[in-house]
Amino acid sequence: MAAPSLVFWDWNGTLMDDAAYSCDCLNGLLDEYGYPQRYDLERYRAVFGFPIEAYYRRVGFDFARDPYPVLAESYMQRYNAGVDGCPLTEGAAGVIRALAGRGIEQALLSVSRRDYLAEQAARRGLGGAFRAMLGLTDIYGAGKVQLGRDYIAASGADPARCVMVGDTDHDAETAHAMGVRCILYAGGHQTRPRLEATGCPVIDRLEELPALL
C-alpha cells in the first residue's frame, strides 16, 4: 500500500468537536418550531446523517408546515451564535502537526459552507494548515461527493496516495466515490456501529491515526 501524500479531513465532528453542541441546537430548533420530541446525544448520533434534508425528516420535522429552507436558515443562525465555543477535538492539533512533519499534505473537505469553514479553522489556529479548504456554497448540506471528485480530477492528486478521515458514513461514501482510502473517527456525529457498517477502519481517538497511515 502506497504511503499517503494527502489526507482529506472532515471538519465538523472530526477536527472540531461539535456533536454535543449540534444536538443542543437541534433540540433548540425543535422547541422553536413547536415540536415535542427531544434527542439526547446517543439518539442524535443514531439518526444524524446526510443529506441534511433527509435527516431533518427523520427527526420529525414536517416540511409541509415548516419548509426545509426556513428550518435550515434558523438552525444556522442558532448554530453560528455559539460555535466559537466548540473546541478542536482532543489530539487534533498534534496529529495535524505530526502528519505535516512527515511531509503529508492535508486538506479540509466538508459539507459546511466554505466561508464558515475557513473562519472556524482560522479561529482555532489552523488557517494555514491545509492545502485546500473545500466547502459548499450554501447551507443545505446536500453532500460533498462531487466536491471531492472534482478536486481529485482538477488537482492531479493520486487517489492511491490519498486518505479521507471523517466521522460519518457519508465520509465513507465520499471516499469511495473519490477512489481513496477512508478511516472513520467514532467520537463525532455517528455511532461506532454505524461507522463499522461501512467496512472502513474505525478509531476512537485521533491520535491512533498516524499509525494507520
Protein backbone atom coordinates (compact mmCIF):
# COMPACT_ATOMS: atom_id res chain seq x y z
CA MET A 1 0.00 0.00 0.00
CA ALA A 2 1.47 3.36 -1.04
CA ALA A 3 2.34 5.82 1.70
CA PRO A 4 -0.22 8.67 1.76
CA SER A 5 0.73 12.04 0.33
CA LEU A 6 -2.59 13.80 1.06
CA VAL A 7 -5.12 13.46 3.89
CA PHE A 8 -8.62 14.88 3.43
CA TRP A 9 -10.08 15.85 6.79
CA ASP A 10 -13.75 16.26 7.54
CA TRP A 11 -14.27 19.25 9.83
CA ASN A 12 -17.47 19.07 11.90
CA GLY A 13 -17.28 16.24 14.42
CA THR A 14 -13.83 15.17 13.25
CA LEU A 15 -11.40 18.05 13.77
CA MET A 16 -13.92 20.31 15.52
CA ASP A 17 -15.75 18.78 18.47
CA ASP A 18 -19.30 20.00 17.83
CA ALA A 19 -21.52 16.89 18.07
CA ALA A 20 -22.96 17.66 21.52
CA TYR A 21 -23.40 21.31 20.56
CA SER A 22 -25.18 20.31 17.32
CA CYS A 23 -27.51 18.07 19.32
CA ASP A 24 -28.35 21.01 21.58
CA CYS A 25 -29.02 23.16 18.50
CA LEU A 26 -31.34 20.50 17.10
CA ASN A 27 -33.33 20.42 20.32
CA GLY A 28 -33.49 24.22 20.33
CA LEU A 29 -34.81 24.19 16.77
CA LEU A 30 -37.45 21.60 17.65
CA ASP A 31 -38.55 23.77 20.56
CA GLU A 32 -38.56 26.95 18.45
CA TYR A 33 -40.94 25.41 15.91
CA GLY A 34 -43.20 23.70 18.43
CA TYR A 35 -42.18 20.04 18.12
CA PRO A 36 -42.32 17.96 21.32
CA GLN A 37 -39.57 15.42 20.62
CA ARG A 38 -36.07 15.85 22.03
CA TYR A 39 -32.83 13.95 21.43
CA ASP A 40 -30.05 13.01 23.79
CA LEU A 41 -26.58 12.71 22.29
CA GLU A 42 -26.70 8.98 21.56
CA ARG A 43 -30.11 9.18 19.90
CA TYR A 44 -28.85 12.12 17.88
CA ARG A 45 -25.77 10.17 16.78
CA ALA A 46 -28.01 7.25 15.80
CA VAL A 47 -30.13 9.38 13.46
CA PHE A 48 -27.79 12.07 12.12
CA GLY A 49 -26.67 11.82 8.51
CA PHE A 50 -26.58 13.30 5.02
CA PRO A 51 -28.24 14.77 3.15
CA ILE A 52 -29.32 17.06 5.98
CA GLU A 53 -32.80 17.41 4.49
CA ALA A 54 -33.40 13.67 4.92
CA TYR A 55 -32.02 13.83 8.47
CA TYR A 56 -34.48 16.61 9.31
CA ARG A 57 -37.29 14.38 8.10
CA ARG A 58 -36.03 11.54 10.31
CA VAL A 59 -36.03 13.68 13.44
CA GLY A 60 -39.65 14.60 12.76
CA PHE A 61 -39.85 17.98 11.05
CA ASP A 62 -42.93 18.43 8.85
CA PHE A 63 -41.86 20.29 5.72
CA ALA A 64 -45.46 20.96 4.73
CA ARG A 65 -45.71 23.03 7.89
CA ASP A 66 -42.14 24.29 8.14
CA PRO A 67 -40.25 24.31 4.81
CA TYR A 68 -36.75 22.92 4.89
CA PRO A 69 -35.02 26.15 3.73
CA VAL A 70 -36.67 28.04 6.62
CA LEU A 71 -35.56 25.41 9.13
CA ALA A 72 -32.04 25.31 7.70
CA GLU A 73 -31.66 29.08 8.00
CA SER A 74 -32.99 29.07 11.57
CA TYR A 75 -30.64 26.24 12.51
CA MET A 76 -27.58 28.00 11.10
CA GLN A 77 -28.41 31.21 12.94
CA ARG A 78 -28.64 29.22 16.16
CA TYR A 79 -25.50 27.19 15.42
CA ASN A 80 -23.34 30.15 14.36
CA ALA A 81 -24.30 32.07 17.50
CA GLY A 82 -22.36 29.66 19.71
CA VAL A 83 -19.99 27.64 17.52
CA ASP A 84 -16.98 29.64 18.70
CA GLY A 85 -17.30 27.72 21.96
CA CYS A 86 -16.64 24.38 20.25
CA PRO A 87 -13.01 23.26 20.72
CA LEU A 88 -10.79 21.25 18.47
CA THR A 89 -11.18 17.52 19.04
CA GLU A 90 -8.69 16.21 21.57
CA GLY A 91 -5.42 15.42 19.82
CA ALA A 92 -6.38 17.09 16.53
CA ALA A 93 -3.73 19.80 16.51
CA GLY A 94 -0.99 17.34 17.41
CA VAL A 95 -1.98 14.89 14.70
CA ILE A 96 -2.09 17.64 12.09
CA ARG A 97 1.42 18.70 13.11
CA ALA A 98 2.65 15.09 13.09
CA LEU A 99 1.36 14.47 9.56
CA ALA A 100 2.84 17.71 8.31
CA GLY A 101 6.15 16.66 9.84
CA ARG A 102 6.02 13.50 7.75
CA GLY A 103 5.54 15.56 4.60
CA ILE A 104 1.86 14.64 4.22
CA GLU A 105 -0.28 17.43 2.79
CA GLN A 106 -3.72 18.00 4.29
CA ALA A 107 -7.00 19.44 3.06
CA LEU A 108 -10.44 20.07 4.52
CA LEU A 109 -13.42 18.50 2.75
CA SER A 110 -16.70 19.49 4.36
CA VAL A 111 -20.41 19.98 3.76
CA SER A 112 -20.11 23.26 5.63
CA ARG A 113 -20.28 26.47 3.67
CA ARG A 114 -16.74 27.34 2.65
CA ASP A 115 -16.64 30.77 4.29
CA TYR A 116 -17.82 29.26 7.58
CA LEU A 117 -15.20 26.55 7.25
CA ALA A 118 -12.35 29.00 6.67
CA GLU A 119 -13.40 31.23 9.56
CA GLN A 120 -13.80 28.35 12.01
CA ALA A 121 -10.43 26.83 11.09
CA ALA A 122 -8.67 30.21 11.38
CA ARG A 123 -10.19 30.88 14.81
CA ARG A 124 -8.67 27.61 16.01
CA GLY A 125 -5.21 28.35 14.72
CA LEU A 126 -5.44 26.12 11.63
CA GLY A 127 -5.84 28.69 8.89
CA GLY A 128 -2.53 27.81 7.27
CA ALA A 129 -2.56 24.07 7.90
CA PHE A 130 -4.38 22.95 4.76
CA ARG A 131 -3.54 22.72 1.08
CA ALA A 132 -7.20 23.42 0.33
CA MET A 133 -10.44 24.15 2.17
CA LEU A 134 -13.24 22.54 0.22
CA GLY A 135 -16.73 23.50 1.27
CA LEU A 136 -20.14 24.11 -0.23
CA THR A 137 -21.63 27.37 -1.45
CA ASP A 138 -24.87 27.05 0.56
CA ILE A 139 -26.13 25.91 3.98
CA TYR A 140 -28.27 22.98 2.87
CA GLY A 141 -25.79 20.14 3.45
CA ALA A 142 -26.65 18.01 0.44
CA GLY A 143 -23.29 16.23 0.49
CA LYS A 144 -19.70 16.50 -0.67
CA VAL A 145 -19.19 13.62 -3.10
CA GLN A 146 -19.00 15.82 -6.17
CA LEU A 147 -16.82 18.34 -4.36
CA GLY A 148 -14.29 15.62 -3.58
CA ARG A 149 -14.39 14.07 -7.04
CA ASP A 150 -13.93 17.43 -8.71
CA TYR A 151 -10.93 18.22 -6.53
CA ILE A 152 -9.23 14.89 -7.30
CA ALA A 153 -9.78 15.47 -11.02
CA ALA A 154 -8.56 19.07 -11.00
CA SER A 155 -5.62 18.73 -8.61
CA GLY A 156 -3.88 15.75 -10.12
CA ALA A 157 -3.71 14.07 -6.71
CA ASP A 158 -3.13 10.31 -6.90
CA PRO A 159 -6.16 8.62 -5.28
CA ALA A 160 -3.97 5.65 -4.31
CA ARG A 161 -1.99 8.01 -2.08
CA CYS A 162 -4.94 9.86 -0.53
CA VAL A 163 -6.91 9.13 2.65
CA MET A 164 -10.23 10.55 3.84
CA VAL A 165 -10.70 10.92 7.62
CA GLY A 166 -14.22 11.62 8.85
CA ASP A 167 -16.90 10.75 11.37
CA THR A 168 -19.92 9.70 9.26
CA ASP A 169 -20.95 7.11 6.72
CA HIS A 170 -21.12 9.98 4.21
CA ASP A 171 -17.35 10.35 4.57
CA ALA A 172 -17.02 6.69 3.60
CA GLU A 173 -19.36 7.25 0.65
CA THR A 174 -17.34 10.29 -0.42
CA ALA A 175 -14.04 8.42 -0.13
CA HIS A 176 -15.40 5.55 -2.23
CA ALA A 177 -16.55 7.97 -4.94
CA MET A 178 -13.11 9.61 -4.93
CA GLY A 179 -11.33 6.26 -5.07
CA VAL A 180 -9.42 6.91 -1.83
CA ARG A 181 -8.98 5.06 1.46
CA CYS A 182 -11.15 6.05 4.42
CA ILE A 183 -10.62 5.97 8.18
CA LEU A 184 -13.52 6.92 10.45
CA TYR A 185 -13.45 8.53 13.90
CA ALA A 186 -16.06 7.26 16.37
CA GLY A 187 -16.22 10.33 18.61
CA GLY A 188 -18.22 12.54 16.27
CA HIS A 189 -21.73 12.71 14.82
CA GLN A 190 -22.46 9.00 14.32
CA THR A 191 -22.27 5.90 16.47
CA ARG A 192 -19.49 3.34 16.14
CA PRO A 193 -21.84 0.57 14.85
CA ARG A 194 -22.99 2.83 12.01
CA LEU A 195 -19.38 3.56 11.10
CA GLU A 196 -18.32 -0.09 11.34
CA ALA A 197 -21.13 -0.99 8.94
CA THR A 198 -19.23 0.87 6.19
CA GLY A 199 -16.36 -1.63 6.38
CA CYS A 200 -13.83 1.16 6.96
CA PRO A 201 -11.32 1.10 9.83
CA VAL A 202 -12.72 2.94 12.87
CA ILE A 203 -10.66 4.73 15.52
CA ASP A 204 -11.75 6.04 18.92
CA ARG A 205 -9.02 8.69 19.24
CA LEU A 206 -7.45 10.84 16.55
CA GLU A 207 -4.04 10.01 17.99
CA GLU A 208 -4.49 6.49 16.58
CA LEU A 209 -4.45 7.81 13.02
CA PRO A 210 -0.72 8.21 12.25
CA ALA A 211 -0.03 4.54 12.99
CA LEU A 212 -2.67 3.53 10.42
CA LEU A 213 -1.10 5.62 7.69
